[in-house]
Amino acid sequence: WSTQPGSPVLACGGTRLAGSRAPQRGRRGGESEGRMGAGYAEFVEAWRTLGRGLLFMGNPHTLFMGLLSVLSIFIVSEKMLNISFKVEFTIFAAGCIFPTTFSASNAFSRREKAIEHLGKLKANIIALFQHFIFFDVGGKSEAAGEAQSLFVPLVDHIEVYCRNDKSTQVCTIVDARDGERGGESAAHYIYDDFTIICEALQRAGTKHFGHSGQKAVENTNRSWNYVHDAIAALEGLRSVRTTSTPLGLRIFCHFLLHSSCILLAPFWVHFCKTETIRPTSEFAAIEQDFQMPDGGGGYGCVSAYLVGLFFTFIVLTLYRVVSDLEDPFDGQGQDDINWEHFREELDTLGQAGADGPNLRLTGEILRPPPIKKAS
């Protein structure tokens, strides 16, 4: 971007927009309007974020558990079962929150590792395809044209393997129980694609890269390194995909959080014995608070219901965060892997460069100038 008045400004897509000197009169007013517009946009975005947070927290599962919590408080209230107890709440708080946050930390670490391996896999695939373009001595991109159709199923199978339920992506070839051929994982097809690409690379060494025999192998060593790095990244991705956070910890959190929303009802009810109403300014002559025995009705009080609901929404929202981070591959959650961004450049292999927008518009592959032999 240029800051000089009257100089051209480079816009997205390579289009140059002619700049002009802004008039001196009214500049201060324009700046104030711009600040007001930015402030309004931030205000609207803040409310949108609040709305998204409420929607995330108020899902049907959490609302159902909130109703169960309210019903539990009603059942143990004074005029029903009359059950209440008072203990140190730190025991429940630490017992519920600590395992959940520990699980969330583990799940987030798995997600970060998955994104890292996926990025390395994508980078090596793009670099490998570039070799088919720029090592072609003829300059007609024939090698890239032949290889492009081989990279498409590779990307498709990677997405199929990652996004489908991992229970269906088994690597069993033969079922030992009945001796019949079992279901195949998409990972087998990924390795099929890599092998086919390697065969195409071997042929291109002598057909398009201008080498023969052992010389072709030696001059494509860097290409083989990209194949090796891509497979290493794939195996790192598979190790994350086929494992999970500790199962026992997840089961423990699931049982503890859901049961505490119900079993802590007698603890919330004990607040009703000390709930009071403080007089407002209209009743300033009254110098003491009104104590409300069990909310005034005997079926629980405002404190019990509010604190119980608040606790339920906190712990179950944390549990939902853990559940969403546990499988970042399906692309359904807001924090999951964005597969559209992953495929964005892989679906347009060979369509980048100085004339990239036109190449992506027409679907053609970049044709670099022919490589001339040194005299």
Foldseek 3Di string as FASTA:
>chain_A
DDPDAQPWDQDPPRDIDTGHDDDPPCPVVVVVVVVVVVVVVVVVVVVVVVVVVCPLLPDPVLVVLLVLLLVLLLCCFQVHVVFADADPCVVLVCVQPVLLVVLLVVLVVLQVLLVVLLVLLLVLVLVLLVCCFVLFQQLPSPLSVVCLVLLVVLLVLLLVQQQDQVVQQDCFQADPVPRHGDHHHSVVVNVVSLVVSVVSLLVCLVVGNPDDDPVSVVVCVVSVVSSVSNVVSVVSNVVSRNDFPDPVSLVSNVVSLSVCLNVCSSHLQVVLQADWDDDDPVVVVDDDIGRCRQCVPRSHHPRSSVVSSVSSSVSVSSSVSSVCSRRLSNCPDPNHDDVCVSCVDVVLRQQDDPNNVVCVVVVHHDRDDRDDDDD
